[in-house]
N, C-alpha and C. Protein backbone atom coordinates (compact mmCIF):
# COMPACT_ATOMS: atom_id res chain seq x y z
N UNK A 1 -19.80 12.05 14.29
CA UNK A 1 -19.57 11.81 15.58
C UNK A 1 -18.09 11.06 16.14
N UNK A 2 -17.60 10.80 17.21
CA UNK A 2 -16.32 10.46 17.60
C UNK A 2 -15.97 10.29 18.79
N UNK A 3 -15.73 9.04 19.30
CA UNK A 3 -14.93 9.19 20.28
C UNK A 3 -13.38 10.00 20.30
N UNK A 4 -12.89 9.24 19.36
CA UNK A 4 -11.69 9.33 19.18
C UNK A 4 -10.66 10.81 18.88
N UNK A 5 -9.91 11.01 19.99
CA UNK A 5 -9.30 12.33 20.21
C UNK A 5 -7.92 12.81 19.23
N UNK A 6 -7.59 11.77 18.87
CA UNK A 6 -6.13 11.26 18.56
C UNK A 6 -6.26 11.94 17.19
N UNK A 7 -5.78 13.23 16.39
CA UNK A 7 -5.59 13.96 14.92
C UNK A 7 -5.59 12.64 13.76
N UNK A 8 -4.50 11.91 13.86
CA UNK A 8 -4.27 11.08 12.99
C UNK A 8 -5.53 9.53 12.86
N UNK A 9 -6.09 9.21 13.86
CA UNK A 9 -7.74 8.41 13.89
C UNK A 9 -8.24 9.43 13.15
N UNK A 10 -8.70 10.58 13.79
CA UNK A 10 -10.02 11.56 13.00
C UNK A 10 -9.59 11.90 11.66
N UNK A 11 -8.33 11.60 10.91
CA UNK A 11 -7.99 11.88 9.66
C UNK A 11 -7.51 10.51 8.47
N UNK A 12 -8.04 9.63 9.21
CA UNK A 12 -7.89 8.83 8.60
C UNK A 12 -9.17 8.50 7.69
N UNK A 13 -8.60 8.57 6.44
CA UNK A 13 -9.75 8.57 4.95
C UNK A 13 -8.96 7.59 3.99
N UNK A 14 -8.70 6.61 4.20
CA UNK A 14 -8.23 5.49 3.62
C UNK A 14 -9.08 5.15 2.02
N UNK A 15 -10.16 5.52 2.31
CA UNK A 15 -10.70 5.34 0.56
C UNK A 15 -11.87 6.33 0.90
N UNK A 16 -12.63 6.33 -0.41
CA UNK A 16 -13.17 8.10 0.07
C UNK A 16 -14.78 7.40 0.16
N UNK A 17 -14.60 6.65 0.86
CA UNK A 17 -16.16 6.48 1.55
C UNK A 17 -15.49 7.00 2.73
N UNK A 18 -14.65 7.31 2.80
CA UNK A 18 -13.68 7.36 4.52
C UNK A 18 -14.59 8.54 5.25
N UNK A 19 -14.63 9.08 3.65
CA UNK A 19 -14.43 10.73 4.17
C UNK A 19 -15.55 11.34 4.92
N UNK A 20 -15.63 12.34 5.37
CA UNK A 20 -17.26 13.47 6.44
C UNK A 20 -17.60 13.79 4.92
N UNK A 21 -18.78 13.99 5.05
CA UNK A 21 -20.03 14.26 3.81
C UNK A 21 -19.21 15.72 3.58
N UNK A 22 -19.01 16.58 4.33
CA UNK A 22 -18.56 17.98 4.13
C UNK A 22 -17.38 17.29 2.73
N UNK A 23 -16.79 16.88 3.21
CA UNK A 23 -15.19 16.52 2.10
C UNK A 23 -15.75 15.85 0.96
N UNK A 24 -16.77 15.22 0.76
CA UNK A 24 -17.08 14.29 -0.43
C UNK A 24 -18.28 15.48 -0.88
N UNK A 25 -19.17 16.48 -0.12
CA UNK A 25 -19.64 17.34 -1.12
C UNK A 25 -19.03 18.20 -1.91
N UNK A 26 -17.63 18.37 -1.39
CA UNK A 26 -17.01 19.46 -1.57
C UNK A 26 -15.68 18.67 -2.36
N UNK A 27 -15.64 17.89 -2.91
CA UNK A 27 -14.72 17.21 -3.46
C UNK A 27 -13.45 17.32 -2.98
N UNK A 28 -13.33 16.95 -2.16
CA UNK A 28 -11.95 17.33 -0.67
C UNK A 28 -10.86 15.95 -0.32
N UNK A 29 -9.85 15.89 -0.05
CA UNK A 29 -9.39 14.58 0.71
C UNK A 29 -8.12 15.35 1.68
N UNK A 30 -8.02 14.70 2.55
CA UNK A 30 -6.87 15.23 2.80
C UNK A 30 -5.07 13.67 2.53
N UNK A 31 -4.37 15.30 3.25
CA UNK A 31 -2.90 14.52 2.95
C UNK A 31 -2.15 14.82 3.99
N UNK A 32 -1.25 14.00 4.47
CA UNK A 32 -0.25 14.28 5.75
C UNK A 32 0.70 14.77 5.11
N UNK A 33 0.93 16.55 5.99
CA UNK A 33 2.42 17.12 5.00
C UNK A 33 3.72 16.86 6.16
N UNK A 34 3.17 16.22 7.14
CA UNK A 34 4.37 16.71 8.52
C UNK A 34 3.57 15.96 9.64
N UNK A 35 4.15 14.87 10.25
CA UNK A 35 3.41 14.42 11.78
C UNK A 35 1.97 15.81 12.02
N UNK A 36 1.17 15.28 12.02
CA UNK A 36 0.01 15.81 12.60
C UNK A 36 -0.29 16.75 11.89
N UNK A 37 0.24 17.19 10.98
CA UNK A 37 0.12 18.43 9.83
C UNK A 37 -0.88 17.61 8.94
N UNK A 38 -1.75 18.47 8.26
CA UNK A 38 -2.52 17.99 6.66
C UNK A 38 -2.76 19.09 5.91
N UNK A 39 -2.88 19.01 4.53
CA UNK A 39 -3.40 19.53 3.72
C UNK A 39 -4.72 19.18 3.58
N UNK A 40 -6.07 20.16 3.07
CA UNK A 40 -6.77 19.35 2.58
C UNK A 40 -6.81 19.95 1.33
N UNK A 41 -6.71 19.12 0.00
CA UNK A 41 -7.36 19.40 -1.79
C UNK A 41 -8.29 19.19 -2.00
N UNK A 42 -8.64 20.02 -2.71
CA UNK A 42 -9.58 20.19 -3.80
C UNK A 42 -8.97 19.33 -4.73
N UNK A 43 -9.87 17.62 -4.91
CA UNK A 43 -9.71 16.99 -6.18
C UNK A 43 -9.95 16.06 -6.11
N UNK A 44 -9.21 14.78 -6.48
CA UNK A 44 -8.95 13.31 -6.59
C UNK A 44 -7.99 12.98 -5.71
N UNK A 45 -8.04 12.29 -5.35
CA UNK A 45 -7.02 11.97 -4.09
C UNK A 45 -6.91 9.94 -3.83
N UNK A 46 -8.21 9.31 -4.51
CA UNK A 46 -7.71 8.15 -4.39
C UNK A 46 -7.54 7.35 -5.85
N UNK A 47 -7.18 6.20 -5.80
CA UNK A 47 -7.21 5.69 -6.98
C UNK A 47 -7.97 4.01 -6.59
N UNK A 48 -9.04 4.18 -7.67
CA UNK A 48 -9.26 3.28 -8.05
C UNK A 48 -8.84 1.46 -8.03
N UNK A 49 -9.12 0.32 -7.55
CA UNK A 49 -8.24 -0.60 -7.37
C UNK A 49 -9.18 -1.52 -8.68
N UNK A 50 -8.21 -1.49 -9.54
CA UNK A 50 -9.29 -2.31 -10.76
C UNK A 50 -9.98 -3.82 -10.77
N UNK A 51 -11.18 -3.76 -10.86
CA UNK A 51 -11.44 -5.31 -10.69
C UNK A 51 -10.49 -6.34 -12.16
N UNK A 52 -10.00 -7.05 -11.73
CA UNK A 52 -9.25 -8.02 -12.64
C UNK A 52 -10.17 -9.08 -13.31
N UNK A 53 -10.77 -9.05 -14.70
CA UNK A 53 -11.42 -9.48 -15.16
C UNK A 53 -11.15 -11.22 -16.38
N UNK A 54 -9.50 -11.38 -15.61
CA UNK A 54 -8.98 -11.88 -16.26
C UNK A 54 -9.51 -13.49 -16.03
N UNK A 55 -9.07 -14.60 -17.00
CA UNK A 55 -9.44 -16.22 -15.61
C UNK A 55 -8.43 -16.09 -14.81
N UNK A 56 -8.88 -16.78 -13.14
CA UNK A 56 -8.19 -16.68 -12.42
C UNK A 56 -7.04 -17.78 -12.63
N UNK A 57 -5.78 -17.13 -12.83
CA UNK A 57 -4.15 -18.36 -12.85
C UNK A 57 -3.79 -19.06 -11.43
N UNK A 58 -3.54 -20.25 -11.86
CA UNK A 58 -3.26 -20.82 -10.62
C UNK A 58 -2.16 -21.52 -10.51
N UNK A 59 -1.62 -20.84 -9.64
CA UNK A 59 -0.27 -21.53 -9.17
C UNK A 59 0.44 -22.11 -8.20
N UNK A 60 1.00 -22.62 -8.57
CA UNK A 60 1.70 -23.91 -7.76
C UNK A 60 3.09 -23.69 -6.80
N UNK A 61 2.77 -23.34 -5.87
CA UNK A 61 3.88 -22.87 -4.53
C UNK A 61 4.89 -23.55 -5.03
N UNK A 62 6.17 -23.24 -4.91
CA UNK A 62 7.81 -23.83 -4.92
C UNK A 62 7.74 -24.65 -3.77
N UNK A 63 7.29 -24.70 -2.55
CA UNK A 63 7.43 -24.97 -1.47
C UNK A 63 7.21 -26.61 -1.44
N UNK A 64 7.79 -27.22 -0.85
CA UNK A 64 7.44 -29.20 -1.05
C UNK A 64 6.67 -29.21 -0.01
N UNK A 65 5.82 -28.23 0.91
CA UNK A 65 4.89 -28.54 2.01
C UNK A 65 3.69 -27.35 2.00
N UNK A 66 2.86 -27.51 2.97
CA UNK A 66 2.22 -27.13 2.70
C UNK A 66 2.15 -26.09 5.08
N UNK A 67 2.28 -25.08 5.18
CA UNK A 67 3.05 -24.68 6.27
C UNK A 67 1.48 -24.78 7.10
N UNK A 68 1.66 -25.33 8.12
CA UNK A 68 0.32 -25.22 8.98
C UNK A 68 0.06 -24.18 9.80
N UNK A 69 1.04 -23.28 10.09
CA UNK A 69 0.91 -21.94 10.42
C UNK A 69 -0.01 -20.79 9.50
N UNK A 70 0.08 -20.94 7.84
CA UNK A 70 -0.20 -20.39 7.10
C UNK A 70 -1.82 -20.43 7.58
N UNK A 71 -2.14 -21.30 8.33
CA UNK A 71 -4.15 -21.44 8.24
C UNK A 71 -4.74 -21.01 9.08
N UNK A 72 -3.69 -20.47 10.18
CA UNK A 72 -4.50 -19.87 11.34
C UNK A 72 -3.96 -18.14 11.21
N UNK A 73 -5.59 -17.10 11.41
CA UNK A 73 -5.48 -16.18 10.97
C UNK A 73 -5.95 -15.89 9.38
N UNK A 74 -6.25 -14.43 9.04
CA UNK A 74 -6.41 -13.80 8.19
C UNK A 74 -5.86 -12.67 8.02
N UNK A 75 -4.68 -12.59 7.98
CA UNK A 75 -3.68 -10.87 8.36
C UNK A 75 -3.26 -10.65 6.66
N UNK A 76 -3.01 -9.75 6.60
CA UNK A 76 -2.88 -9.00 5.47
C UNK A 76 -1.50 -9.73 5.52
N UNK A 77 -0.46 -9.50 6.85
CA UNK A 77 1.05 -9.95 7.10
C UNK A 77 1.34 -11.15 6.25
N UNK A 78 0.14 -11.82 7.25
CA UNK A 78 -0.02 -13.50 6.57
C UNK A 78 0.30 -14.15 5.65
N UNK A 79 -0.86 -13.69 4.26
CA UNK A 79 -1.00 -13.61 2.85
C UNK A 79 0.49 -13.16 2.61
N UNK A 80 0.93 -12.38 2.45
CA UNK A 80 2.12 -11.81 1.97
C UNK A 80 3.84 -12.56 2.25
N UNK A 81 3.16 -13.31 3.82
CA UNK A 81 4.19 -14.05 4.07
C UNK A 81 4.29 -15.70 2.98
N UNK A 82 3.65 -15.95 2.98
CA UNK A 82 2.85 -16.65 2.32
C UNK A 82 2.97 -16.80 0.88
N UNK A 83 2.98 -15.53 0.41
CA UNK A 83 3.20 -15.24 -1.23
C UNK A 83 4.50 -15.71 -1.34
N UNK A 84 5.16 -14.79 -0.88
CA UNK A 84 6.88 -14.67 -0.68
C UNK A 84 7.23 -16.19 -0.38
N UNK A 85 6.77 -16.86 0.55
CA UNK A 85 7.54 -18.66 1.10
C UNK A 85 7.27 -19.32 -0.10
N UNK A 86 5.98 -19.16 -0.88
CA UNK A 86 6.01 -20.14 -2.02
C UNK A 86 5.99 -19.47 -3.28
N UNK A 87 6.83 -18.71 -3.45
CA UNK A 87 7.46 -17.62 -4.15
C UNK A 87 6.51 -17.01 -5.53
N UNK A 88 5.43 -16.70 -4.79
CA UNK A 88 4.54 -16.25 -5.67
C UNK A 88 5.04 -15.40 -6.42
N UNK A 89 5.53 -14.19 -5.14
CA UNK A 89 6.11 -12.65 -5.65
C UNK A 89 6.94 -12.69 -6.29
N UNK A 90 8.05 -13.49 -6.15
CA UNK A 90 9.57 -13.22 -7.37
C UNK A 90 8.29 -13.80 -8.70
N UNK A 91 7.50 -14.65 -8.21
CA UNK A 91 7.53 -15.28 -10.13
C UNK A 91 6.62 -14.14 -10.56
N UNK A 92 5.55 -13.30 -9.88
CA UNK A 92 5.25 -12.65 -10.99
C UNK A 92 5.79 -10.95 -11.20
N UNK A 93 6.76 -11.19 -9.76
CA UNK A 93 7.64 -9.56 -10.18
C UNK A 93 8.78 -10.75 -11.51
N UNK A 94 9.13 -11.28 -11.39
CA UNK A 94 10.03 -11.89 -12.66
C UNK A 94 11.13 -11.59 -11.80
N UNK A 95 11.35 -11.52 -11.12
CA UNK A 95 12.64 -11.54 -10.12
C UNK A 95 13.16 -12.55 -9.08
N UNK A 96 13.32 -13.76 -9.28
CA UNK A 96 14.21 -14.46 -8.85
C UNK A 96 15.20 -14.28 -7.34
N UNK A 97 15.70 -12.63 -7.55
CA UNK A 97 16.54 -12.44 -6.35
C UNK A 97 16.05 -11.23 -5.30
N UNK A 98 14.71 -11.36 -5.23
CA UNK A 98 13.77 -10.60 -4.37
C UNK A 98 14.15 -11.13 -3.07
N UNK A 99 14.40 -10.68 -2.16
CA UNK A 99 14.52 -10.60 -0.71
C UNK A 99 13.83 -9.66 0.32
N UNK A 100 13.10 -10.36 1.45
CA UNK A 100 12.34 -9.10 1.91
C UNK A 100 13.65 -8.65 3.03
N UNK A 101 13.40 -6.97 2.79
CA UNK A 101 14.13 -6.43 3.46
C UNK A 101 13.32 -4.61 4.11
N UNK A 102 12.54 -4.94 3.80
CA UNK A 102 11.86 -3.40 4.40
C UNK A 102 10.39 -4.17 4.93
N UNK A 103 10.15 -3.26 6.29
CA UNK A 103 8.49 -3.94 6.65
C UNK A 103 8.30 -2.85 7.26
N UNK A 104 6.75 -2.21 8.07
CA UNK A 104 6.72 -1.24 9.03
C UNK A 104 7.02 0.32 8.53
N UNK A 105 7.08 1.00 10.05
CA UNK A 105 7.25 2.41 9.87
C UNK A 105 8.27 2.93 9.56
N UNK A 106 7.83 4.14 8.33
CA UNK A 106 9.37 4.29 8.86
C UNK A 106 8.70 6.21 8.16
N UNK A 107 10.18 7.34 8.53
CA UNK A 107 9.67 8.72 8.23
C UNK A 107 10.03 9.05 6.69
N UNK A 108 9.74 9.64 6.18
CA UNK A 108 9.75 10.14 4.55
C UNK A 108 10.88 11.25 4.40
N UNK A 109 11.94 11.15 3.31
CA UNK A 109 12.65 12.71 3.45
C UNK A 109 11.21 13.91 2.66
N UNK A 110 12.59 15.04 2.45
CA UNK A 110 11.52 15.96 1.87
C UNK A 110 11.35 15.73 0.66
N UNK A 111 10.06 16.20 0.32
CA UNK A 111 10.00 16.02 -1.14
C UNK A 111 8.56 17.15 -1.45
N UNK A 112 8.42 17.06 -2.70
CA UNK A 112 7.36 17.91 -2.93
C UNK A 112 6.64 17.08 -4.50
N UNK A 113 5.71 17.82 -4.51
CA UNK A 113 4.77 17.28 -6.24
C UNK A 113 3.41 18.41 -5.52
N UNK A 114 2.81 18.13 -6.87
CA UNK A 114 1.57 18.38 -7.29
C UNK A 114 0.83 18.68 -7.75
N UNK A 115 -0.63 18.37 -6.62
CA UNK A 115 -1.97 17.73 -7.16
C UNK A 115 -2.53 19.22 -7.54
N UNK A 116 -2.88 18.70 -8.82
CA UNK A 116 -3.51 19.91 -10.13
C UNK A 116 -2.15 20.91 -9.72
N UNK A 117 -2.87 22.23 -9.32
CA UNK A 117 -2.40 23.66 -9.32
C UNK A 117 -1.49 23.92 -7.62
N UNK A 118 -1.67 22.73 -7.32
CA UNK A 118 -1.39 22.45 -5.63
C UNK A 118 0.05 21.95 -5.04
N UNK A 119 0.85 22.56 -5.06
CA UNK A 119 2.60 22.10 -4.58
C UNK A 119 2.29 21.56 -3.02
N UNK A 120 2.52 20.60 -2.56
CA UNK A 120 2.44 20.09 -1.76
C UNK A 120 3.82 19.52 -1.35
N UNK A 121 4.08 20.52 -0.19
CA UNK A 121 5.76 19.87 0.35
C UNK A 121 5.29 19.08 1.55
N UNK A 122 6.49 17.58 0.95
CA UNK A 122 5.81 16.64 2.42
C UNK A 122 7.05 16.53 3.33
N UNK A 123 7.23 16.81 4.67
CA UNK A 123 8.48 16.49 5.49
C UNK A 123 8.25 15.77 6.42
N UNK A 124 8.84 14.58 6.50
CA UNK A 124 9.02 13.68 7.57
C UNK A 124 7.78 12.67 7.93
N UNK A 125 7.03 12.37 7.04
CA UNK A 125 5.78 12.01 7.16
C UNK A 125 6.14 10.33 7.72
N UNK A 126 5.34 9.98 8.45
CA UNK A 126 4.83 8.50 8.89
C UNK A 126 4.38 7.80 7.67
N UNK A 127 5.30 6.70 7.03
CA UNK A 127 5.16 5.91 6.16
C UNK A 127 4.97 4.44 6.56
N UNK A 128 3.61 3.11 5.63
CA UNK A 128 4.28 1.95 6.27
C UNK A 128 4.16 1.22 4.89
N UNK A 129 4.97 0.54 4.78
CA UNK A 129 5.27 -0.36 4.21
C UNK A 129 4.84 -2.72 4.37
N UNK A 130 3.22 -2.66 3.60
CA UNK A 130 3.61 -4.05 4.24
C UNK A 130 4.67 -4.70 3.99
N UNK A 131 5.47 -4.54 3.29
CA UNK A 131 6.39 -5.50 2.86
C UNK A 131 7.21 -5.15 1.25
N UNK A 132 8.47 -4.98 1.66
CA UNK A 132 9.43 -4.58 0.64
C UNK A 132 10.41 -5.31 -0.18
N UNK A 133 10.47 -6.06 -1.24
CA UNK A 133 11.59 -6.94 -1.30
C UNK A 133 12.50 -5.94 -2.68
N UNK A 134 13.83 -6.29 -2.00
CA UNK A 134 14.95 -5.68 -3.12
C UNK A 134 15.39 -6.96 -3.53
N UNK A 135 15.87 -6.44 -5.03
CA UNK A 135 16.79 -7.30 -5.87
C UNK A 135 17.81 -6.63 -6.63
N UNK A 136 18.44 -7.51 -7.38
CA UNK A 136 19.38 -6.50 -7.52
C UNK A 136 19.52 -6.08 -8.44
N UNK A 137 18.21 -5.67 -9.30
CA UNK A 137 17.89 -4.68 -10.02
C UNK A 137 16.75 -3.74 -9.59
N UNK A 138 15.96 -4.15 -8.35
CA UNK A 138 14.50 -3.13 -8.12
C UNK A 138 14.60 -3.02 -6.53
N UNK A 139 13.53 -2.39 -6.33
CA UNK A 139 12.72 -2.47 -5.11
C UNK A 139 11.12 -2.72 -5.29
N UNK A 140 10.68 -4.09 -5.23
CA UNK A 140 9.27 -4.16 -4.87
C UNK A 140 8.80 -3.82 -4.11
N UNK A 141 7.48 -2.47 -3.76
CA UNK A 141 6.83 -2.11 -2.20
C UNK A 141 5.73 -2.81 -2.11
N UNK A 142 4.89 -3.19 -1.60
CA UNK A 142 3.92 -3.54 -1.65
C UNK A 142 2.74 -3.22 -0.91
N UNK A 143 1.20 -3.06 -0.84
CA UNK A 143 0.54 -2.20 0.13
C UNK A 143 -0.53 -3.28 -0.28
N UNK A 144 -0.59 -4.04 1.25
CA UNK A 144 -1.23 -5.13 1.29
C UNK A 144 -3.38 -5.20 2.02
N UNK A 145 -4.26 -5.58 1.62
CA UNK A 145 -5.39 -5.33 1.97
C UNK A 145 -6.03 -6.69 1.89
N UNK A 146 -6.27 -7.31 3.10
CA UNK A 146 -6.89 -8.89 3.21
C UNK A 146 -8.51 -8.79 2.98
N UNK A 147 -8.68 -7.70 2.28
CA UNK A 147 -10.56 -7.38 1.71
C UNK A 147 -10.51 -7.11 0.40
N UNK A 148 -11.19 -6.94 -0.05
CA UNK A 148 -11.39 -6.59 -1.38
C UNK A 148 -11.74 -5.30 -1.71
N UNK A 149 -10.48 -4.15 -1.45
CA UNK A 149 -10.93 -3.20 -1.77
C UNK A 149 -10.81 -2.25 -3.07
N UNK A 150 -12.02 -1.29 -2.99
CA UNK A 150 -12.30 -0.85 -4.89
C UNK A 150 -11.94 0.68 -4.69
N UNK A 151 -10.93 0.97 -4.11
CA UNK A 151 -10.22 2.31 -3.93
C UNK A 151 -9.33 2.65 -2.68
N UNK A 152 -8.44 3.45 -3.13
CA UNK A 152 -7.26 3.33 -1.90
C UNK A 152 -6.53 4.91 -1.99
N UNK A 153 -6.40 5.78 -0.94
CA UNK A 153 -5.68 7.00 -0.79
C UNK A 153 -4.32 6.44 -1.52
N UNK A 154 -4.40 7.88 -2.36
CA UNK A 154 -2.93 7.36 -3.00
C UNK A 154 -1.65 7.62 -2.46
N UNK A 155 -1.84 7.97 -1.55
CA UNK A 155 -0.46 8.55 -0.21
C UNK A 155 -0.04 7.12 -0.13
N UNK A 156 -0.73 5.81 -0.16
CA UNK A 156 -0.91 4.53 0.68
C UNK A 156 0.34 3.79 -0.16
N UNK A 157 0.40 4.60 -1.71
CA UNK A 157 1.36 4.12 -3.01
C UNK A 157 2.49 5.01 -3.43
N UNK A 158 2.16 6.02 -3.36
CA UNK A 158 2.67 7.36 -3.49
C UNK A 158 4.32 7.81 -2.72
N UNK A 159 3.98 8.10 -1.29
CA UNK A 159 4.68 8.08 -0.05
C UNK A 159 6.22 7.80 0.30
N UNK A 160 5.43 6.10 -0.22
CA UNK A 160 6.82 4.72 -0.10
C UNK A 160 7.27 4.96 -1.35
N UNK A 161 6.59 4.97 -2.09
CA UNK A 161 7.27 5.09 -3.58
C UNK A 161 8.77 6.27 -3.35
N UNK A 162 7.92 7.16 -3.51
CA UNK A 162 8.62 8.70 -2.67
C UNK A 162 10.18 8.15 -2.09
N UNK A 163 10.03 7.64 -1.15
CA UNK A 163 10.32 7.99 0.21
C UNK A 163 11.95 6.73 -0.52
N UNK A 164 11.72 5.57 -0.84
CA UNK A 164 12.12 4.57 -1.18
C UNK A 164 13.09 5.18 -2.63
N UNK A 165 12.62 5.78 -3.43
CA UNK A 165 13.19 6.17 -4.61
C UNK A 165 14.41 7.29 -4.40
N UNK A 166 14.20 7.42 -3.11
CA UNK A 166 15.18 8.70 -2.72
C UNK A 166 16.51 8.09 -2.53
N UNK A 167 16.19 6.72 -1.69
CA UNK A 167 17.23 6.01 -1.01
C UNK A 167 18.01 4.72 -1.67
N UNK A 168 17.56 4.88 -3.31
CA UNK A 168 18.32 3.91 -3.95
C UNK A 168 18.21 4.34 -5.75
N UNK A 169 18.96 3.66 -6.82
CA UNK A 169 19.15 3.75 -7.98
C UNK A 169 18.45 2.66 -8.57
N UNK A 170 18.01 1.80 -7.68
CA UNK A 170 17.39 0.76 -8.55
C UNK A 170 16.00 1.25 -8.76
N UNK A 171 15.14 0.77 -9.82
CA UNK A 171 13.89 0.70 -10.02
C UNK A 171 13.07 0.79 -8.82
N UNK A 172 11.74 1.25 -8.61
CA UNK A 172 11.11 1.29 -7.28
C UNK A 172 9.83 0.76 -8.26
N UNK A 173 9.32 0.21 -7.39
CA UNK A 173 8.32 -0.85 -8.02
C UNK A 173 6.72 -0.55 -7.42
N UNK A 174 5.97 -0.29 -7.02
CA UNK A 174 4.33 -0.45 -6.04
C UNK A 174 3.66 -1.42 -6.79
N UNK A 175 3.37 -2.02 -6.04
CA UNK A 175 2.13 -3.15 -5.94
C UNK A 175 0.96 -3.24 -5.15
N UNK A 176 -0.31 -3.38 -5.56
CA UNK A 176 -1.24 -3.55 -4.41
C UNK A 176 -1.74 -4.55 -4.68
N UNK A 177 -2.23 -5.49 -3.40
CA UNK A 177 -1.84 -6.88 -3.14
C UNK A 177 -3.36 -6.96 -2.64
N UNK A 178 -3.94 -8.08 -2.86
CA UNK A 178 -5.73 -8.32 -2.74
C UNK A 178 -5.44 -9.43 -2.28
N UNK A 179 -5.96 -10.02 -1.30
CA UNK A 179 -6.46 -11.15 -1.24
C UNK A 179 -8.25 -11.32 -0.75
N UNK A 180 -8.33 -11.65 -1.55
CA UNK A 180 -10.22 -12.06 -1.94
C UNK A 180 -10.75 -12.51 -0.93
N UNK A 181 -11.62 -11.75 -0.21
CA UNK A 181 -12.35 -12.50 1.12
C UNK A 181 -13.24 -13.64 0.99
N UNK A 182 -12.84 -15.27 1.97
CA UNK A 182 -13.44 -15.95 1.55
C UNK A 182 -12.66 -16.75 0.37
N UNK A 183 -11.92 -16.64 -0.31
CA UNK A 183 -11.70 -17.01 -1.23
C UNK A 183 -10.17 -17.20 -0.76
N UNK A 184 -9.70 -18.20 -1.46
CA UNK A 184 -7.72 -18.30 -1.65
C UNK A 184 -7.56 -18.08 -2.69
N UNK A 185 -7.80 -16.95 -2.86
CA UNK A 185 -6.95 -15.92 -4.31
C UNK A 185 -6.62 -14.75 -3.88
N UNK A 186 -5.25 -14.57 -4.47
CA UNK A 186 -4.55 -13.46 -4.61
C UNK A 186 -4.99 -12.55 -5.39
N UNK A 187 -4.69 -11.15 -5.89
CA UNK A 187 -4.64 -10.50 -6.93
C UNK A 187 -3.96 -9.24 -6.31
């Protein structure tokens, strides 16, 4: 039961656990194919976010001061902005030329792909990139969470990847960025 009436809210199934029981029992998931239109697909539409078992690496910010404003709030954008300002993203991507060029919602071009044997045709679906950085040779797209996610629907990574792959001849890289809750640790 829900008080929501907007289809996009009812169809928001960003993790395996967000699916209704009938979807879970029948191994189904939703993918948007056009704004307001969805395909119900049998199969696995989620990607597991691996637990990083390596020892935590300590990163020293390249900033010569600690911003006061970074301590106010706990949003995905805030953590991404700090990771960028401190040069952590440039260091991780091994690309000092990266600059922030992509934020927010855009619409995909038309594209097709298969899930198993089922052809999916996508046309102008709204996507959102939490942050995108362009360098001399690559575009880095980041999907961010400010909680420890265990899985995510693949469209959150794949649709922006396909969208930007068609807009540039540079290598497009998708990253998943996670801020561990209660800790000052980024993964």
